[in-house]
Structures are given as structure tokens and as C-alpha cells.
C-alpha atoms as a PDB file:
ATOM      1  CA  MET A   1     -22.473  10.750   3.537  1.00  0.00           C
ATOM      2  CA  LYS A   2     -22.902  14.441   3.228  1.00  0.00           C
ATOM      3  CA  ASN A   3     -21.489  17.664   1.498  1.00  0.00           C
ATOM      4  CA  CYS A   4     -19.927  15.168  -1.538  1.00  0.00           C
ATOM      5  CA  ARG A   5     -20.139  18.166  -4.027  1.00  0.00           C
ATOM      6  CA  ASP A   6     -17.479  19.843  -1.668  1.00  0.00           C
ATOM      7  CA  TYR A   7     -15.047  16.954  -1.927  1.00  0.00           C
ATOM      8  CA  ASP A   8     -11.914  18.375  -3.769  1.00  0.00           C
ATOM      9  CA  ILE A   9      -9.421  15.831  -2.469  1.00  0.00           C
ATOM     10  CA  TYR A  10      -8.656  13.172  -5.198  1.00  0.00           C
ATOM     11  CA  LEU A  11      -7.208   9.508  -4.623  1.00  0.00           C
ATOM     12  CA  SER A  12      -5.291   7.645  -7.161  1.00  0.00           C
ATOM     13  CA  PHE A  13      -3.659   4.128  -6.216  1.00  0.00           C
ATOM     14  CA  ASP A  14      -0.799   2.195  -8.045  1.00  0.00           C
ATOM     15  CA  GLU A  15      -2.163  -0.483 -10.227  1.00  0.00           C
ATOM     16  CA  ALA A  16      -1.059  -3.421  -8.022  1.00  0.00           C
ATOM     17  CA  ILE A  17      -3.444  -1.999  -5.237  1.00  0.00           C
ATOM     18  CA  ARG A  18      -6.040  -0.379  -7.498  1.00  0.00           C
ATOM     19  CA  ASP A  19      -8.923  -2.348  -5.790  1.00  0.00           C
ATOM     20  CA  ARG A  20      -7.931  -1.296  -2.070  1.00  0.00           C
ATOM     21  CA  ASP A  21     -11.020  -0.650   0.070  1.00  0.00           C
ATOM     22  CA  ILE A  22     -11.946   3.151   1.047  1.00  0.00           C
ATOM     23  CA  GLU A  23     -13.818   3.059   4.353  1.00  0.00           C
ATOM     24  CA  CYS A  24     -15.978   6.018   5.849  1.00  0.00           C
ATOM     25  CA  LEU A  25     -16.944   6.675   9.187  1.00  0.00           C
ATOM     26  CA  PRO A  26     -20.271   8.534   8.704  1.00  0.00           C
ATOM     27  CA  SER A  27     -21.014  11.586  10.981  1.00  0.00           C
ATOM     28  CA  LYS A  28     -23.064  10.923  13.938  1.00  0.00           C
ATOM     29  CA  GLY A  29     -24.307  14.398  14.310  1.00  0.00           C
ATOM     30  CA  LYS A  30     -23.013  17.139  16.549  1.00  0.00           C
ATOM     31  CA  THR A  31     -20.412  15.364  18.293  1.00  0.00           C
ATOM     32  CA  ASP A  32     -16.560  16.072  18.187  1.00  0.00           C
ATOM     33  CA  LEU A  33     -14.975  13.686  16.017  1.00  0.00           C
ATOM     34  CA  ARG A  34     -11.462  15.264  16.412  1.00  0.00           C
ATOM     35  CA  VAL A  35     -10.411  11.573  17.799  1.00  0.00           C
ATOM     36  CA  PRO A  36     -12.663   9.016  16.270  1.00  0.00           C
ATOM     37  CA  ASN A  37     -13.115   5.739  17.395  1.00  0.00           C
ATOM     38  CA  SER A  38     -11.071   3.967  15.038  1.00  0.00           C
ATOM     39  CA  ALA A  39     -12.190   0.585  16.162  1.00  0.00           C
ATOM     40  CA  SER A  40     -15.741   1.528  15.546  1.00  0.00           C
ATOM     41  CA  LYS A  41     -18.133  -0.901  14.030  1.00  0.00           C
ATOM     42  CA  ASN A  42     -19.460   1.885  12.056  1.00  0.00           C
ATOM     43  CA  TRP A  43     -16.485   1.940   9.541  1.00  0.00           C
ATOM     44  CA  GLN A  44     -18.457   1.223   6.145  1.00  0.00           C
ATOM     45  CA  LYS A  45     -16.916   0.029   2.868  1.00  0.00           C
ATOM     46  CA  LEU A  46     -17.470   2.582   0.053  1.00  0.00           C
ATOM     47  CA  TYR A  47     -18.714   0.529  -3.187  1.00  0.00           C
ATOM     48  CA  ASP A  48     -18.190   1.927  -6.664  1.00  0.00           C
ATOM     49  CA  SER A  49     -20.859   4.885  -6.959  1.00  0.00           C
ATOM     50  CA  GLN A  50     -19.506   6.243  -3.651  1.00  0.00           C
ATOM     51  CA  SER A  51     -15.796   5.979  -4.294  1.00  0.00           C
ATOM     52  CA  ARG A  52     -16.090   7.802  -7.527  1.00  0.00           C
ATOM     53  CA  GLN A  53     -16.708  10.701  -5.336  1.00  0.00           C
ATOM     54  CA  LEU A  54     -13.219  10.639  -4.374  1.00  0.00           C
ATOM     55  CA  ILE A  55     -11.463   8.543  -7.253  1.00  0.00           C
ATOM     56  CA  ASP A  56     -11.048  10.321 -10.363  1.00  0.00           C
ATOM     57  CA  GLU A  57      -8.394   9.200 -12.747  1.00  0.00           C
ATOM     58  CA  SER A  58      -9.200  11.880 -15.283  1.00  0.00           C
ATOM     59  CA  VAL A  59      -7.838  14.479 -12.487  1.00  0.00           C
ATOM     60  CA  GLN A  60      -4.276  15.510 -13.004  1.00  0.00           C
ATOM     61  CA  PHE A  61      -2.134  14.991  -9.756  1.00  0.00           C
ATOM     62  CA  PHE A  62      -1.853  18.218  -8.099  1.00  0.00           C
ATOM     63  CA  PHE A  63       0.292  18.722  -4.814  1.00  0.00           C
ATOM     64  CA  ALA A  64      -2.324  20.830  -3.251  1.00  0.00           C
ATOM     65  CA  ASN A  65      -5.536  18.043  -3.522  1.00  0.00           C
ATOM     66  CA  SER A  66      -4.152  14.604  -4.625  1.00  0.00           C
ATOM     67  CA  VAL A  67      -3.484  11.605  -2.464  1.00  0.00           C
ATOM     68  CA  ARG A  68      -1.547   8.954  -3.987  1.00  0.00           C
ATOM     69  CA  ILE A  69      -1.351   5.205  -2.360  1.00  0.00           C
ATOM     70  CA  PHE A  70       1.509   3.470  -3.586  1.00  0.00           C
ATOM     71  CA  GLN A  71       3.095  -0.101  -3.296  1.00  0.00           C
ATOM     72  CA  LEU A  72       6.809  -0.077  -3.512  1.00  0.00           C
ATOM     73  CA  SER A  73       8.656  -2.478  -5.770  1.00  0.00           C
ATOM     74  CA  GLU A  74       9.970  -5.832  -4.754  1.00  0.00           C
ATOM     75  CA  GLY A  75      13.737  -4.184  -4.952  1.00  0.00           C
ATOM     76  CA  THR A  76      12.897  -1.147  -2.855  1.00  0.00           C
ATOM     77  CA  ARG A  77      10.889  -3.626  -0.102  1.00  0.00           C
ATOM     78  CA  LYS A  78      14.179  -5.488  -0.152  1.00  0.00           C
ATOM     79  CA  ASP A  79      16.245  -2.203   0.574  1.00  0.00           C
ATOM     80  CA  ILE A  80      13.634  -1.262   3.354  1.00  0.00           C
ATOM     81  CA  GLU A  81      14.446  -4.650   5.094  1.00  0.00           C
ATOM     82  CA  GLU A  82      18.210  -3.951   5.009  1.00  0.00           C
ATOM     83  CA  PHE A  83      17.607  -0.487   6.380  1.00  0.00           C
ATOM     84  CA  LYS A  84      15.676  -2.121   9.414  1.00  0.00           C
ATOM     85  CA  LEU A  85      18.068  -4.590  10.084  1.00  0.00           C
ATOM     86  CA  TRP A  86      20.639  -1.699  10.215  1.00  0.00           C
ATOM     87  CA  PHE A  87      18.274   0.988  12.114  1.00  0.00           C
ATOM     88  CA  PHE A  88      17.752  -1.804  14.996  1.00  0.00           C
ATOM     89  CA  SER A  89      21.324  -2.330  15.538  1.00  0.00           C
ATOM     90  CA  GLN A  90      21.925   1.624  16.167  1.00  0.00           C
ATOM     91  CA  PRO A  91      22.505   2.209  19.709  1.00  0.00           C
ATOM     92  CA  LYS A  92      20.534   5.420  19.619  1.00  0.00           C
ATOM     93  CA  TYR A  93      18.285   7.439  17.315  1.00  0.00           C
ATOM     94  CA  HIS A  94      20.607   9.736  14.996  1.00  0.00           C
ATOM     95  CA  LYS A  95      18.687  11.524  12.468  1.00  0.00           C
ATOM     96  CA  ASP A  96      21.512  12.447  10.070  1.00  0.00           C
ATOM     97  CA  ALA A  97      22.892   8.844  10.197  1.00  0.00           C
ATOM     98  CA  ILE A  98      19.538   7.428   9.344  1.00  0.00           C
ATOM     99  CA  LYS A  99      19.053  10.143   6.376  1.00  0.00           C
ATOM    100  CA  GLU A 100      22.468   9.202   4.985  1.00  0.00           C
ATOM    101  CA  ARG A 101      21.631   5.219   5.119  1.00  0.00           C
ATOM    102  CA  ILE A 102      18.277   5.989   3.407  1.00  0.00           C
ATOM    103  CA  GLU A 103      20.126   7.839   0.670  1.00  0.00           C
ATOM    104  CA  GLU A 104      22.584   5.196  -0.063  1.00  0.00           C
ATOM    105  CA  LEU A 105      19.937   2.625  -0.317  1.00  0.00           C
ATOM    106  CA  GLY A 106      18.342   5.324  -2.931  1.00  0.00           C
ATOM    107  CA  ILE A 107      14.671   4.486  -1.375  1.00  0.00           C
ATOM    108  CA  ILE A 108      13.265   7.902  -2.352  1.00  0.00           C
ATOM    109  CA  ARG A 109      15.371   8.468  -5.434  1.00  0.00           C
ATOM    110  CA  LYS A 110      14.117   5.119  -7.097  1.00  0.00           C
ATOM    111  CA  ASN A 111      10.634   5.881  -6.539  1.00  0.00           C
ATOM    112  CA  PHE A 112       9.765   9.586  -6.669  1.00  0.00           C
ATOM    113  CA  SER A 113      10.469  12.544  -8.706  1.00  0.00           C
ATOM    114  CA  GLY A 114      10.746  16.078  -7.429  1.00  0.00           C
ATOM    115  CA  VAL A 115      13.475  15.478  -5.091  1.00  0.00           C
ATOM    116  CA  ASP A 116      15.302  18.954  -4.998  1.00  0.00           C
ATOM    117  CA  ALA A 117      17.464  20.071  -2.194  1.00  0.00           C
ATOM    118  CA  GLU A 118      15.666  23.607  -1.562  1.00  0.00           C
ATOM    119  CA  ASN A 119      12.224  21.985  -0.827  1.00  0.00           C
ATOM    120  CA  PHE A 120      12.787  18.206   0.133  1.00  0.00           C
ATOM    121  CA  HIS A 121      13.165  17.468   3.886  1.00  0.00           C
ATOM    122  CA  PHE A 122      13.532  14.265   5.674  1.00  0.00           C
ATOM    123  CA  LEU A 123      11.367  14.313   8.942  1.00  0.00           C
ATOM    124  CA  GLY A 124      12.521  11.135  10.265  1.00  0.00           C
ATOM    125  CA  VAL A 125      11.658   7.715  11.639  1.00  0.00           C
ATOM    126  CA  ALA A 126       8.000   7.756  13.282  1.00  0.00           C
ATOM    127  CA  HIS A 127       8.219   4.776  15.865  1.00  0.00           C
ATOM    128  CA  LEU A 128       5.367   4.206  17.855  1.00  0.00           C
ATOM    129  CA  SER A 129       3.513   1.272  19.793  1.00  0.00           C
ATOM    130  CA  GLY A 130       0.557  -0.197  17.813  1.00  0.00           C
ATOM    131  CA  GLY A 131      -2.932  -0.248  19.025  1.00  0.00           C
ATOM    132  CA  ARG A 132      -3.560   3.639  18.699  1.00  0.00           C
ATOM    133  CA  ASN A 133      -6.741   4.960  17.510  1.00  0.00           C
ATOM    134  CA  THR A 134      -5.078   7.963  16.273  1.00  0.00           C
ATOM    135  CA  THR A 135      -1.097   8.434  16.091  1.00  0.00           C
ATOM    136  CA  THR A 136      -0.235  12.361  16.453  1.00  0.00           C
ATOM    137  CA  ARG A 137       0.804  13.448  19.603  1.00  0.00           C
ATOM    138  CA  ASP A 138       1.561  17.110  20.571  1.00  0.00           C
ATOM    139  CA  SER A 139       5.054  18.143  22.591  1.00  0.00           C
ATOM    140  CA  GLU A 140       3.215  17.228  25.580  1.00  0.00           C
ATOM    141  CA  LYS A 141       2.257  13.691  24.519  1.00  0.00           C
ATOM    142  CA  ASN A 142      -1.555  14.526  24.312  1.00  0.00           C
ATOM    143  CA  ILE A 143      -3.700  13.061  21.565  1.00  0.00           C
ATOM    144  CA  VAL A 144      -4.268  15.497  18.562  1.00  0.00           C
ATOM    145  CA  GLY A 145      -6.526  13.608  16.556  1.00  0.00           C
ATOM    146  CA  LEU A 146      -7.023  14.756  12.922  1.00  0.00           C
ATOM    147  CA  HIS A 147      -5.260  17.930  12.097  1.00  0.00           C
ATOM    148  CA  LEU A 148      -3.754  20.031   9.397  1.00  0.00           C
ATOM    149  CA  ASP A 149       0.278  19.963   9.603  1.00  0.00           C
ATOM    150  CA  THR A 150       2.182  23.047  10.201  1.00  0.00           C
ATOM    151  CA  PHE A 151       5.794  22.606   8.946  1.00  0.00           C
ATOM    152  CA  ASP A 152       5.251  25.305   6.164  1.00  0.00           C
ATOM    153  CA  LYS A 153       3.602  27.720   8.338  1.00  0.00           C
ATOM    154  CA  ALA A 154       1.152  28.695   5.928  1.00  0.00           C
ATOM    155  CA  PRO A 155      -1.958  30.552   6.520  1.00  0.00           C
ATOM    156  CA  MET A 156      -5.243  28.829   5.656  1.00  0.00           C
ATOM    157  CA  GLN A 157      -5.888  30.786   2.628  1.00  0.00           C
ATOM    158  CA  LYS A 158      -2.528  29.719   1.169  1.00  0.00           C
ATOM    159  CA  ARG A 159      -2.031  26.193   1.947  1.00  0.00           C
ATOM    160  CA  LYS A 160      -2.471  24.941  -1.335  1.00  0.00           C
ATOM    161  CA  THR A 161       1.159  25.932  -1.940  1.00  0.00           C
ATOM    162  CA  ALA A 162       2.747  23.771   0.796  1.00  0.00           C
ATOM    163  CA  ARG A 163       4.634  20.808   0.342  1.00  0.00           C
ATOM    164  CA  ASN A 164       3.148  17.123   0.565  1.00  0.00           C
ATOM    165  CA  ARG A 165       4.088  14.508   2.593  1.00  0.00           C
ATOM    166  CA  VAL A 166       5.648  11.023   2.018  1.00  0.00           C
ATOM    167  CA  ALA A 167       4.944   8.402   4.455  1.00  0.00           C
ATOM    168  CA  ILE A 168       6.209   4.787   4.108  1.00  0.00           C
ATOM    169  CA  ASN A 169       5.136   1.893   6.398  1.00  0.00           C
ATOM    170  CA  VAL A 170       8.330  -0.041   7.150  1.00  0.00           C
ATOM    171  CA  GLY A 171       6.826  -1.705  10.070  1.00  0.00           C
ATOM    172  CA  SER A 172       5.459  -5.472  10.065  1.00  0.00           C
ATOM    173  CA  GLU A 173       1.788  -4.668  10.307  1.00  0.00           C
ATOM    174  CA  SER A 174      -0.776  -2.619   8.519  1.00  0.00           C
ATOM    175  CA  ARG A 175      -1.639   1.090   9.634  1.00  0.00           C
ATOM    176  CA  TYR A 176      -4.356   3.433   8.233  1.00  0.00           C
ATOM    177  CA  LEU A 177      -4.392   7.036   6.781  1.00  0.00           C
ATOM    178  CA  MET A 178      -7.524   8.724   7.776  1.00  0.00           C
ATOM    179  CA  PHE A 179      -8.578  11.856   6.392  1.00  0.00           C
ATOM    180  CA  VAL A 180     -11.618  14.582   5.531  1.00  0.00           C
ATOM    181  CA  PRO A 181     -11.726  15.114   1.509  1.00  0.00           C
ATOM    182  CA  TYR A 182     -11.582  18.945   1.830  1.00  0.00           C
ATOM    183  CA  THR A 183      -8.976  21.234   1.150  1.00  0.00           C
ATOM    184  CA  ALA A 184      -8.195  24.147   3.389  1.00  0.00           C
ATOM    185  CA  LYS A 185     -10.132  26.460   0.898  1.00  0.00           C
ATOM    186  CA  ALA A 186     -13.230  23.976   1.062  1.00  0.00           C
ATOM    187  CA  LEU A 187     -13.244  23.506   4.662  1.00  0.00           C
ATOM    188  CA  ILE A 188     -13.879  27.268   5.036  1.00  0.00           C
ATOM    189  CA  GLU A 189     -16.307  27.521   2.296  1.00  0.00           C
ATOM    190  CA  VAL A 190     -18.199  24.733   3.936  1.00  0.00           C
ATOM    191  CA  ALA A 191     -17.988  26.065   7.350  1.00  0.00           C
ATOM    192  CA  GLU A 192     -19.095  29.497   6.158  1.00  0.00           C
ATOM    193  CA  ARG A 193     -22.360  28.159   4.882  1.00  0.00           C
ATOM    194  CA  GLN A 194     -22.955  26.931   8.330  1.00  0.00           C
ATOM    195  CA  GLY A 195     -23.095  30.872   9.033  1.00  0.00           C
ATOM    196  CA  GLY A 196     -21.349  30.723  12.409  1.00  0.00           C
ATOM    197  CA  GLU A 197     -19.143  33.508  13.684  1.00  0.00           C
ATOM    198  CA  TRP A 198     -16.435  30.973  14.723  1.00  0.00           C
ATOM    199  CA  VAL A 199     -15.420  30.649  11.042  1.00  0.00           C
ATOM    200  CA  LYS A 200     -13.244  33.928  11.389  1.00  0.00           C
ATOM    201  CA  ASP A 201     -11.103  31.607  13.531  1.00  0.00           C
ATOM    202  CA  ALA A 202      -9.553  29.901  10.475  1.00  0.00           C
ATOM    203  CA  TYR A 203      -7.660  33.471   9.976  1.00  0.00           C
ATOM    204  CA  ASP A 204      -6.613  33.485  13.579  1.00  0.00           C
ATOM    205  CA  ASP A 205      -5.821  30.106  14.855  1.00  0.00           C
ATOM    206  CA  HIS A 206      -6.064  26.950  12.507  1.00  0.00           C
ATOM    207  CA  ARG A 207      -6.166  24.701  15.689  1.00  0.00           C
ATOM    208  CA  VAL A 208      -9.354  26.707  17.047  1.00  0.00           C
ATOM    209  CA  PHE A 209     -10.869  26.472  13.714  1.00  0.00           C
ATOM    210  CA  VAL A 210     -10.371  22.930  13.283  1.00  0.00           C
ATOM    211  CA  ARG A 211     -11.750  22.072  16.758  1.00  0.00           C
ATOM    212  CA  LYS A 212     -15.106  24.028  15.866  1.00  0.00           C
ATOM    213  CA  PHE A 213     -15.247  22.261  12.325  1.00  0.00           C
ATOM    214  CA  PHE A 214     -15.647  18.859  13.789  1.00  0.00           C
ATOM    215  CA  LYS A 215     -18.070  20.263  16.407  1.00  0.00           C
ATOM    216  CA  TYR A 216     -20.285  22.195  14.378  1.00  0.00           C
ATOM    217  CA  VAL A 217     -19.842  20.499  10.718  1.00  0.00           C
ATOM    218  CA  CYS A 218     -19.397  16.819  11.796  1.00  0.00           C
ATOM    219  CA  PRO A 219     -17.715  15.773   8.510  1.00  0.00           C
ATOM    220  CA  ASP A 220     -17.500  12.127   7.356  1.00  0.00           C
ATOM    221  CA  ILE A 221     -14.164  10.792   7.918  1.00  0.00           C
ATOM    222  CA  PHE A 222     -12.330   8.127   5.567  1.00  0.00           C
ATOM    223  CA  ARG A 223      -9.574   5.622   5.651  1.00  0.00           C
ATOM    224  CA  ILE A 224      -7.438   3.653   3.646  1.00  0.00           C
ATOM    225  CA  ARG A 225      -5.265   0.954   4.715  1.00  0.00           C
ATOM    226  CA  ILE A 226      -1.419   0.885   4.335  1.00  0.00           C
ATOM    227  CA  GLU A 227       0.443  -2.403   4.323  1.00  0.00           C
ATOM    228  CA  PRO A 228       4.000  -2.921   5.061  1.00  0.00           C
ATOM    229  CA  GLY A 229       6.103  -1.822   1.988  1.00  0.00           C
ATOM    230  CA  GLU A 230       3.281   0.757   0.952  1.00  0.00           C
ATOM    231  CA  GLY A 231       2.898   4.530   1.510  1.00  0.00           C
ATOM    232  CA  TYR A 232       1.234   7.344   0.593  1.00  0.00           C
ATOM    233  CA  ILE A 233       1.750  10.849  -0.819  1.00  0.00           C
ATOM    234  CA  ALA A 234      -0.578  13.303   0.587  1.00  0.00           C
ATOM    235  CA  PRO A 235      -1.241  17.241   0.969  1.00  0.00           C
ATOM    236  CA  THR A 236      -1.017  16.925   4.923  1.00  0.00           C
ATOM    237  CA  GLU A 237      -0.765  20.615   5.330  1.00  0.00           C
ATOM    238  CA  ASN A 238      -3.798  21.336   3.172  1.00  0.00           C
ATOM    239  CA  MET A 239      -6.312  18.207   4.286  1.00  0.00           C
ATOM    240  CA  LEU A 240      -7.155  17.062   7.714  1.00  0.00           C
ATOM    241  CA  HIS A 241      -5.571  13.732   8.450  1.00  0.00           C
ATOM    242  CA  ASP A 242      -3.974  11.414  10.898  1.00  0.00           C
ATOM    243  CA  GLY A 243      -2.635   7.916  11.184  1.00  0.00           C
ATOM    244  CA  SER A 244      -4.322   5.160  13.089  1.00  0.00           C
ATOM    245  CA  THR A 245      -2.744   1.676  14.266  1.00  0.00           C
ATOM    246  CA  PHE A 246      -5.783   0.515  16.363  1.00  0.00           C
ATOM    247  CA  ASP A 247      -5.490  -3.215  15.049  1.00  0.00           C
ATOM    248  CA  ALA A 248      -1.852  -3.680  15.105  1.00  0.00           C
ATOM    249  CA  GLU A 249       0.088  -5.197  18.043  1.00  0.00           C
ATOM    250  CA  LYS A 250       3.507  -4.766  16.973  1.00  0.00           C
ATOM    251  CA  ASP A 251       5.238  -1.312  16.902  1.00  0.00           C
ATOM    252  CA  ASP A 252       4.511   1.137  14.019  1.00  0.00           C
ATOM    253  CA  ILE A 253       7.436   2.336  12.074  1.00  0.00           C
ATOM    254  CA  THR A 254       7.126   4.928   9.360  1.00  0.00           C
ATOM    255  CA  LEU A 255       9.634   6.949   7.201  1.00  0.00           C
ATOM    256  CA  VAL A 256       8.476  10.334   6.563  1.00  0.00           C
ATOM    257  CA  TRP A 257       9.439  13.244   4.225  1.00  0.00           C
ATOM    258  CA  LEU A 258       8.152  16.610   2.640  1.00  0.00           C
ATOM    259  CA  GLY A 259       8.408  17.972  -0.509  1.00  0.00           C
ATOM    260  CA  TYR A 260       6.824  18.427  -3.954  1.00  0.00           C
ATOM    261  CA  LEU A 261       7.050  14.876  -4.705  1.00  0.00           C
ATOM    262  CA  SER A 262       5.199  12.571  -7.094  1.00  0.00           C
ATOM    263  CA  ARG A 263       5.208   8.804  -7.524  1.00  0.00           C
ATOM    264  CA  LEU A 264       7.903   7.693 -10.160  1.00  0.00           C
ATOM    265  CA  GLU A 265       5.957   4.863 -12.377  1.00  0.00           C
ATOM    266  CA  GLY A 266       7.966   1.795 -12.410  1.00  0.00           C
ATOM    267  CA  GLY A 267      10.162   2.505  -9.203  1.00  0.00           C
ATOM    268  CA  THR A 268      13.043  -0.006  -8.776  1.00  0.00           C
END
């Protein structure tokens, strides 16, 4: 692991899954890791002294730099099973109907605070086949790999004001959240220390910056397992990330929202 002093993304967990493993894929040097081999045997479990670099319960939850891994209550998991039965009975995908059904079940309202009409947005259901090293594809179906989301269209310098993402695994197998624990601000600071002219691309095209960051900085990558009925809140506009379903045989199904959301303790 390197550049630990620059980590400014913090993790927290619901108490029921407080001992969930954090794994790391260490950098192999000057190799483009935009699409890391998630099935690699090089993934290493982090133990107490290393994990404390990422987990700090004394840090207050901030939307810009906090990731929360949560487990939904038994009641909400039953609501999700009811939703899935309804979802698979529908003749075609209809986002507004899906949104209405989720609201009727209260899946978000029962478990999160900060749900306001102005900033809250349902992105939809991500329904993909399993066995994917990374899950994100562009409009032409090309693999994207670890990336920064752009729903709020904020420049690198202002990504700390962007909304965070809530993603709930409603499939039948585990998936992974992969990430690099630097905010956009820290990415720039780390890159500037490399002294390369390519850093200015951060202000021109964040996609070019991300590609060159992986090429020249070669950061360690972390992942956390997300079981069915679990999910995460993460600043995906301000943190390099992607999903992975590399060891799943069945379809991956995820509900996704944007908003300034916080975990509501003791959800129903």
C-alpha cells in the first residue's frame, strides 16, 4: 500500500456487518489499472492496522468523502422480495412504474434521511449478467473500469458538492464495490506531486485525467463485498469506483439513487 497519508475517503459499517472484510489489490507498478482483474489472486485482506487507514469511526459522516456499507432490516428485505416478484412480472421496463412501486413499499423512506424532492433522484434498476470484472459500460457498451460519475457535471475542483449514490443489491448473489480512497481533490494533489504536465487535464477532461492517473500513479485499489439485502452510500462523483460481479453466476440486480442521503439508524 502506498500514499496512505493521502487517503481521505472514510468507511463505516452498520453494526451487524462491522467485521466485513476490506480487500486490497496492490499496485503492480506502471500498469493501466482502469480495468483491474477482479478475479486476481493478488487481492489481499486488510487487517486491523491497515484497515484503520480507511475506517475511522471518529470522523463525522460527510457526503463528499464518506462511504457507508449497510444491511437493510428484515422488514425491508421482505419488501425487496415483494418488489422483485412484481418487477419480474412486468412485461417491459418502465422506470416511472418502478419508482412508484418502490415508493409504495417505502424502501428509501424507511431507511434513509435527506430524501428531498429537489436533490433526490431515482436512477433506475441496473440489471446485468454476473461474471463481470467491472460492471460499468459506456453508451457504446465499452468497458469503462474505475471512473468518476458525472450526473452532477461538476468540475474536479467542485466535486465535493455533488450528490452521493445509494445502491442496494437486490439480486441473489454478492457483488463488490471497488474504489480508490482519494477524493477528486486528493487525486489532483497526488498527481501534482508526480510533476507531470498531464495533471492539467484534470481541468480539461476528467476522463483523460483518470486514464493518466492510473497509468502514472498506479494506485492501490480496494473492494468490499455487498451481499443481497445490503448496499452502500458513496460519493461516486468524487471517488474513483466501479462495481464487480466476477464470481456471480446469476444476474446482478441493483437499485440506484442519487441524493444527499444518510443512513437512518434502526431502519424498518
